[in-house]
Amino acid sequence: MTVEVSAEITVSGNVQGVGYRYFAQKEALALGLNGNVMNMADGRSVKVMVSGRKPAVEALITELKKGPPSGRVLSVDIEWKAAPLSVKGFSIKY
């Protein structure tokens, strides 16, 4: 049985203006995950909402901690959610 999970992930550091959202989208789509990513108003963090198979979500978290070569991740906060997201695909919110 495949367990579906959801998570709200906040990534802080030098993650705006460096292609981090595109990086997150590419990684999530490659893993078959659903959700979205957006810049936060603080200018130094992005929020990732993701849903999918638990091993795939965990693999995405591993990649989000690395980030793209042009960025620098300082912290990753994860809040696990009980219900899966009702979205299909993975989008960048503007």
N, C-alpha and C. Protein backbone atom coordinates (compact mmCIF):
# COMPACT_ATOMS: atom_id res chain seq x y z
N MET A 1 0.83 -1.19 0.00
CA MET A 1 0.00 0.00 0.00
C MET A 1 0.88 1.25 0.00
N THR A 2 0.57 2.17 -0.89
CA THR A 2 1.32 3.42 -1.00
C THR A 2 0.67 4.47 -0.11
N VAL A 3 1.46 5.05 0.75
CA VAL A 3 0.97 6.09 1.66
C VAL A 3 1.14 7.45 1.01
N GLU A 4 0.02 8.20 0.91
CA GLU A 4 0.06 9.57 0.39
C GLU A 4 0.21 10.52 1.57
N VAL A 5 1.09 11.47 1.43
CA VAL A 5 1.32 12.46 2.48
C VAL A 5 1.34 13.85 1.85
N SER A 6 1.20 14.85 2.69
CA SER A 6 1.34 16.24 2.27
C SER A 6 2.25 16.95 3.26
N ALA A 7 2.93 17.98 2.76
CA ALA A 7 3.80 18.76 3.62
C ALA A 7 3.83 20.21 3.17
N GLU A 8 3.98 21.09 4.14
CA GLU A 8 4.23 22.51 3.89
C GLU A 8 5.66 22.75 4.29
N ILE A 9 6.49 23.14 3.32
CA ILE A 9 7.93 23.26 3.54
C ILE A 9 8.34 24.71 3.32
N THR A 10 9.02 25.29 4.30
CA THR A 10 9.53 26.64 4.18
C THR A 10 11.05 26.56 4.10
N VAL A 11 11.59 27.08 3.00
CA VAL A 11 13.03 27.06 2.77
C VAL A 11 13.53 28.49 2.86
N SER A 12 14.53 28.72 3.71
CA SER A 12 15.08 30.06 3.91
C SER A 12 16.54 30.11 3.51
N GLY A 13 16.99 31.30 3.15
CA GLY A 13 18.37 31.52 2.75
C GLY A 13 18.40 32.42 1.53
N ASN A 14 19.36 32.21 0.64
CA ASN A 14 19.43 32.93 -0.63
C ASN A 14 18.67 32.10 -1.65
N VAL A 15 17.32 32.18 -1.58
CA VAL A 15 16.48 31.32 -2.41
C VAL A 15 15.51 32.10 -3.29
N GLN A 16 15.60 33.42 -3.30
CA GLN A 16 14.79 34.23 -4.21
C GLN A 16 15.71 34.89 -5.22
N GLY A 17 15.27 34.90 -6.48
CA GLY A 17 16.06 35.52 -7.54
C GLY A 17 17.20 34.66 -8.03
N VAL A 18 17.19 33.37 -7.68
CA VAL A 18 18.28 32.46 -8.09
C VAL A 18 17.74 31.22 -8.82
N GLY A 19 16.46 31.24 -9.19
CA GLY A 19 15.87 30.10 -9.89
C GLY A 19 15.41 28.98 -8.99
N TYR A 20 15.25 29.27 -7.71
CA TYR A 20 14.90 28.20 -6.76
C TYR A 20 13.51 27.63 -7.03
N ARG A 21 12.54 28.49 -7.36
CA ARG A 21 11.19 27.99 -7.63
C ARG A 21 11.17 27.06 -8.84
N TYR A 22 11.92 27.41 -9.87
CA TYR A 22 11.99 26.56 -11.07
C TYR A 22 12.67 25.24 -10.74
N PHE A 23 13.72 25.32 -9.91
CA PHE A 23 14.42 24.12 -9.45
C PHE A 23 13.45 23.21 -8.69
N ALA A 24 12.68 23.78 -7.76
CA ALA A 24 11.73 23.00 -6.97
C ALA A 24 10.67 22.36 -7.86
N GLN A 25 10.17 23.13 -8.83
CA GLN A 25 9.15 22.60 -9.74
C GLN A 25 9.71 21.43 -10.54
N LYS A 26 10.90 21.58 -11.10
CA LYS A 26 11.51 20.52 -11.90
C LYS A 26 11.68 19.25 -11.09
N GLU A 27 12.19 19.38 -9.86
CA GLU A 27 12.40 18.22 -9.00
C GLU A 27 11.08 17.56 -8.62
N ALA A 28 10.07 18.36 -8.29
CA ALA A 28 8.77 17.82 -7.89
C ALA A 28 8.10 17.08 -9.05
N LEU A 29 8.15 17.66 -10.24
CA LEU A 29 7.54 17.01 -11.40
C LEU A 29 8.26 15.70 -11.74
N ALA A 30 9.58 15.69 -11.62
CA ALA A 30 10.35 14.48 -11.88
C ALA A 30 9.98 13.36 -10.91
N LEU A 31 9.56 13.72 -9.71
CA LEU A 31 9.17 12.75 -8.69
C LEU A 31 7.68 12.42 -8.72
N GLY A 32 6.93 13.05 -9.64
CA GLY A 32 5.51 12.78 -9.76
C GLY A 32 4.67 13.38 -8.65
N LEU A 33 5.12 14.49 -8.09
CA LEU A 33 4.42 15.12 -6.97
C LEU A 33 3.47 16.22 -7.42
N ASN A 34 2.51 16.55 -6.58
CA ASN A 34 1.55 17.62 -6.83
C ASN A 34 1.80 18.75 -5.83
N GLY A 35 1.49 19.98 -6.25
CA GLY A 35 1.60 21.09 -5.32
C GLY A 35 2.00 22.37 -6.01
N ASN A 36 2.66 23.25 -5.24
CA ASN A 36 3.11 24.52 -5.78
C ASN A 36 4.24 25.09 -4.93
N VAL A 37 4.89 26.10 -5.49
CA VAL A 37 5.98 26.79 -4.80
C VAL A 37 5.82 28.29 -5.04
N MET A 38 6.12 29.09 -4.02
CA MET A 38 6.02 30.54 -4.18
C MET A 38 7.03 31.25 -3.29
N ASN A 39 7.43 32.46 -3.75
CA ASN A 39 8.27 33.32 -2.93
C ASN A 39 7.44 33.88 -1.79
N MET A 40 8.06 34.06 -0.65
CA MET A 40 7.39 34.69 0.49
C MET A 40 7.75 36.17 0.52
N ALA A 41 6.89 36.95 1.16
CA ALA A 41 7.04 38.41 1.19
C ALA A 41 8.30 38.87 1.93
N ASP A 42 8.89 38.01 2.75
CA ASP A 42 10.08 38.42 3.51
C ASP A 42 11.32 38.59 2.65
N GLY A 43 11.27 38.14 1.38
CA GLY A 43 12.41 38.30 0.47
C GLY A 43 13.53 37.30 0.67
N ARG A 44 13.37 36.36 1.61
CA ARG A 44 14.45 35.43 1.88
C ARG A 44 13.99 33.98 2.04
N SER A 45 12.73 33.71 1.68
CA SER A 45 12.25 32.33 1.81
C SER A 45 11.23 31.99 0.73
N VAL A 46 11.06 30.69 0.50
CA VAL A 46 10.02 30.19 -0.39
C VAL A 46 9.21 29.15 0.38
N LYS A 47 7.95 29.02 -0.02
CA LYS A 47 7.08 28.02 0.58
C LYS A 47 6.72 26.99 -0.48
N VAL A 48 6.87 25.72 -0.12
CA VAL A 48 6.53 24.62 -1.01
C VAL A 48 5.39 23.84 -0.36
N MET A 49 4.28 23.71 -1.08
CA MET A 49 3.17 22.86 -0.67
C MET A 49 3.23 21.64 -1.57
N VAL A 50 3.32 20.45 -0.98
CA VAL A 50 3.53 19.26 -1.80
C VAL A 50 2.70 18.09 -1.27
N SER A 51 2.31 17.23 -2.21
CA SER A 51 1.52 16.06 -1.86
C SER A 51 1.93 14.91 -2.80
N GLY A 52 1.98 13.71 -2.24
CA GLY A 52 2.33 12.55 -3.06
C GLY A 52 2.78 11.39 -2.19
N ARG A 53 3.40 10.39 -2.83
CA ARG A 53 3.90 9.23 -2.11
C ARG A 53 4.99 9.68 -1.14
N LYS A 54 4.97 9.11 0.07
CA LYS A 54 5.90 9.55 1.10
C LYS A 54 7.37 9.46 0.67
N PRO A 55 7.83 8.36 0.05
CA PRO A 55 9.24 8.33 -0.37
C PRO A 55 9.59 9.44 -1.36
N ALA A 56 8.64 9.80 -2.24
CA ALA A 56 8.89 10.86 -3.21
C ALA A 56 8.95 12.22 -2.52
N VAL A 57 8.06 12.46 -1.56
CA VAL A 57 8.09 13.73 -0.81
C VAL A 57 9.40 13.84 -0.04
N GLU A 58 9.83 12.74 0.56
CA GLU A 58 11.11 12.76 1.30
C GLU A 58 12.27 13.00 0.35
N ALA A 59 12.22 12.45 -0.87
CA ALA A 59 13.27 12.69 -1.85
C ALA A 59 13.29 14.16 -2.27
N LEU A 60 12.11 14.76 -2.42
CA LEU A 60 12.05 16.19 -2.75
C LEU A 60 12.67 17.02 -1.64
N ILE A 61 12.36 16.70 -0.40
CA ILE A 61 12.92 17.44 0.73
C ILE A 61 14.44 17.39 0.71
N THR A 62 14.99 16.23 0.39
CA THR A 62 16.45 16.09 0.29
C THR A 62 17.00 17.05 -0.76
N GLU A 63 16.34 17.14 -1.91
CA GLU A 63 16.79 18.05 -2.98
C GLU A 63 16.59 19.51 -2.60
N LEU A 64 15.48 19.82 -1.93
CA LEU A 64 15.24 21.20 -1.52
C LEU A 64 16.31 21.69 -0.55
N LYS A 65 16.84 20.79 0.27
CA LYS A 65 17.91 21.16 1.20
C LYS A 65 19.18 21.53 0.46
N LYS A 66 19.40 20.94 -0.71
CA LYS A 66 20.58 21.25 -1.54
C LYS A 66 20.36 22.54 -2.32
N GLY A 67 19.21 22.64 -2.99
CA GLY A 67 18.89 23.81 -3.80
C GLY A 67 19.69 23.86 -5.08
N PRO A 68 19.44 24.85 -5.93
CA PRO A 68 20.19 25.01 -7.17
C PRO A 68 21.58 25.55 -6.88
N PRO A 69 22.52 25.38 -7.82
CA PRO A 69 23.89 25.86 -7.59
C PRO A 69 23.97 27.36 -7.29
N SER A 70 23.05 28.15 -7.84
CA SER A 70 23.10 29.60 -7.65
C SER A 70 22.52 30.06 -6.32
N GLY A 71 21.89 29.16 -5.57
CA GLY A 71 21.26 29.53 -4.30
C GLY A 71 22.05 29.04 -3.10
N ARG A 72 21.54 29.39 -1.93
CA ARG A 72 22.16 28.93 -0.69
C ARG A 72 21.06 28.71 0.34
N VAL A 73 20.84 27.46 0.70
CA VAL A 73 19.80 27.11 1.66
C VAL A 73 20.38 27.17 3.07
N LEU A 74 19.72 27.93 3.95
CA LEU A 74 20.16 28.02 5.34
C LEU A 74 19.31 27.16 6.26
N SER A 75 18.00 27.05 5.96
CA SER A 75 17.15 26.21 6.81
C SER A 75 15.95 25.70 6.01
N VAL A 76 15.46 24.53 6.45
CA VAL A 76 14.28 23.92 5.85
C VAL A 76 13.37 23.48 6.99
N ASP A 77 12.17 24.06 7.05
CA ASP A 77 11.19 23.71 8.07
C ASP A 77 10.06 22.94 7.41
N ILE A 78 9.70 21.80 7.98
CA ILE A 78 8.69 20.92 7.41
C ILE A 78 7.54 20.75 8.38
N GLU A 79 6.34 20.97 7.87
CA GLU A 79 5.13 20.71 8.65
C GLU A 79 4.31 19.68 7.87
N TRP A 80 4.22 18.46 8.42
CA TRP A 80 3.46 17.40 7.77
C TRP A 80 1.98 17.65 7.95
N LYS A 81 1.21 17.38 6.90
CA LYS A 81 -0.24 17.60 6.90
C LYS A 81 -0.96 16.26 6.80
N ALA A 82 -2.18 16.22 7.33
CA ALA A 82 -2.95 14.98 7.35
C ALA A 82 -3.59 14.66 6.00
N ALA A 83 -4.07 15.66 5.30
CA ALA A 83 -4.81 15.41 4.06
C ALA A 83 -3.98 15.77 2.83
N PRO A 84 -4.13 15.01 1.75
CA PRO A 84 -3.42 15.35 0.52
C PRO A 84 -3.99 16.63 -0.10
N LEU A 85 -3.18 17.31 -0.87
CA LEU A 85 -3.64 18.51 -1.56
C LEU A 85 -4.63 18.12 -2.66
N SER A 86 -5.50 19.02 -3.01
CA SER A 86 -6.50 18.72 -4.03
C SER A 86 -6.06 19.21 -5.41
N VAL A 87 -4.78 19.51 -5.59
CA VAL A 87 -4.27 19.98 -6.88
C VAL A 87 -3.56 18.85 -7.62
N LYS A 88 -3.55 18.97 -8.94
CA LYS A 88 -2.80 18.03 -9.76
C LYS A 88 -1.71 18.81 -10.48
N GLY A 89 -0.54 18.20 -10.61
CA GLY A 89 0.57 18.89 -11.23
C GLY A 89 1.32 19.71 -10.19
N PHE A 90 2.32 20.44 -10.63
CA PHE A 90 3.12 21.25 -9.71
C PHE A 90 3.39 22.59 -10.36
N SER A 91 2.90 23.66 -9.75
CA SER A 91 2.98 24.98 -10.37
C SER A 91 3.82 25.95 -9.54
N ILE A 92 4.23 27.01 -10.23
CA ILE A 92 4.91 28.14 -9.58
C ILE A 92 3.86 29.22 -9.40
N LYS A 93 3.69 29.68 -8.17
CA LYS A 93 2.76 30.78 -7.90
C LYS A 93 3.53 32.08 -7.93
N TYR A 94 2.92 33.08 -8.54
CA TYR A 94 3.55 34.41 -8.65
C TYR A 94 2.83 35.41 -7.80
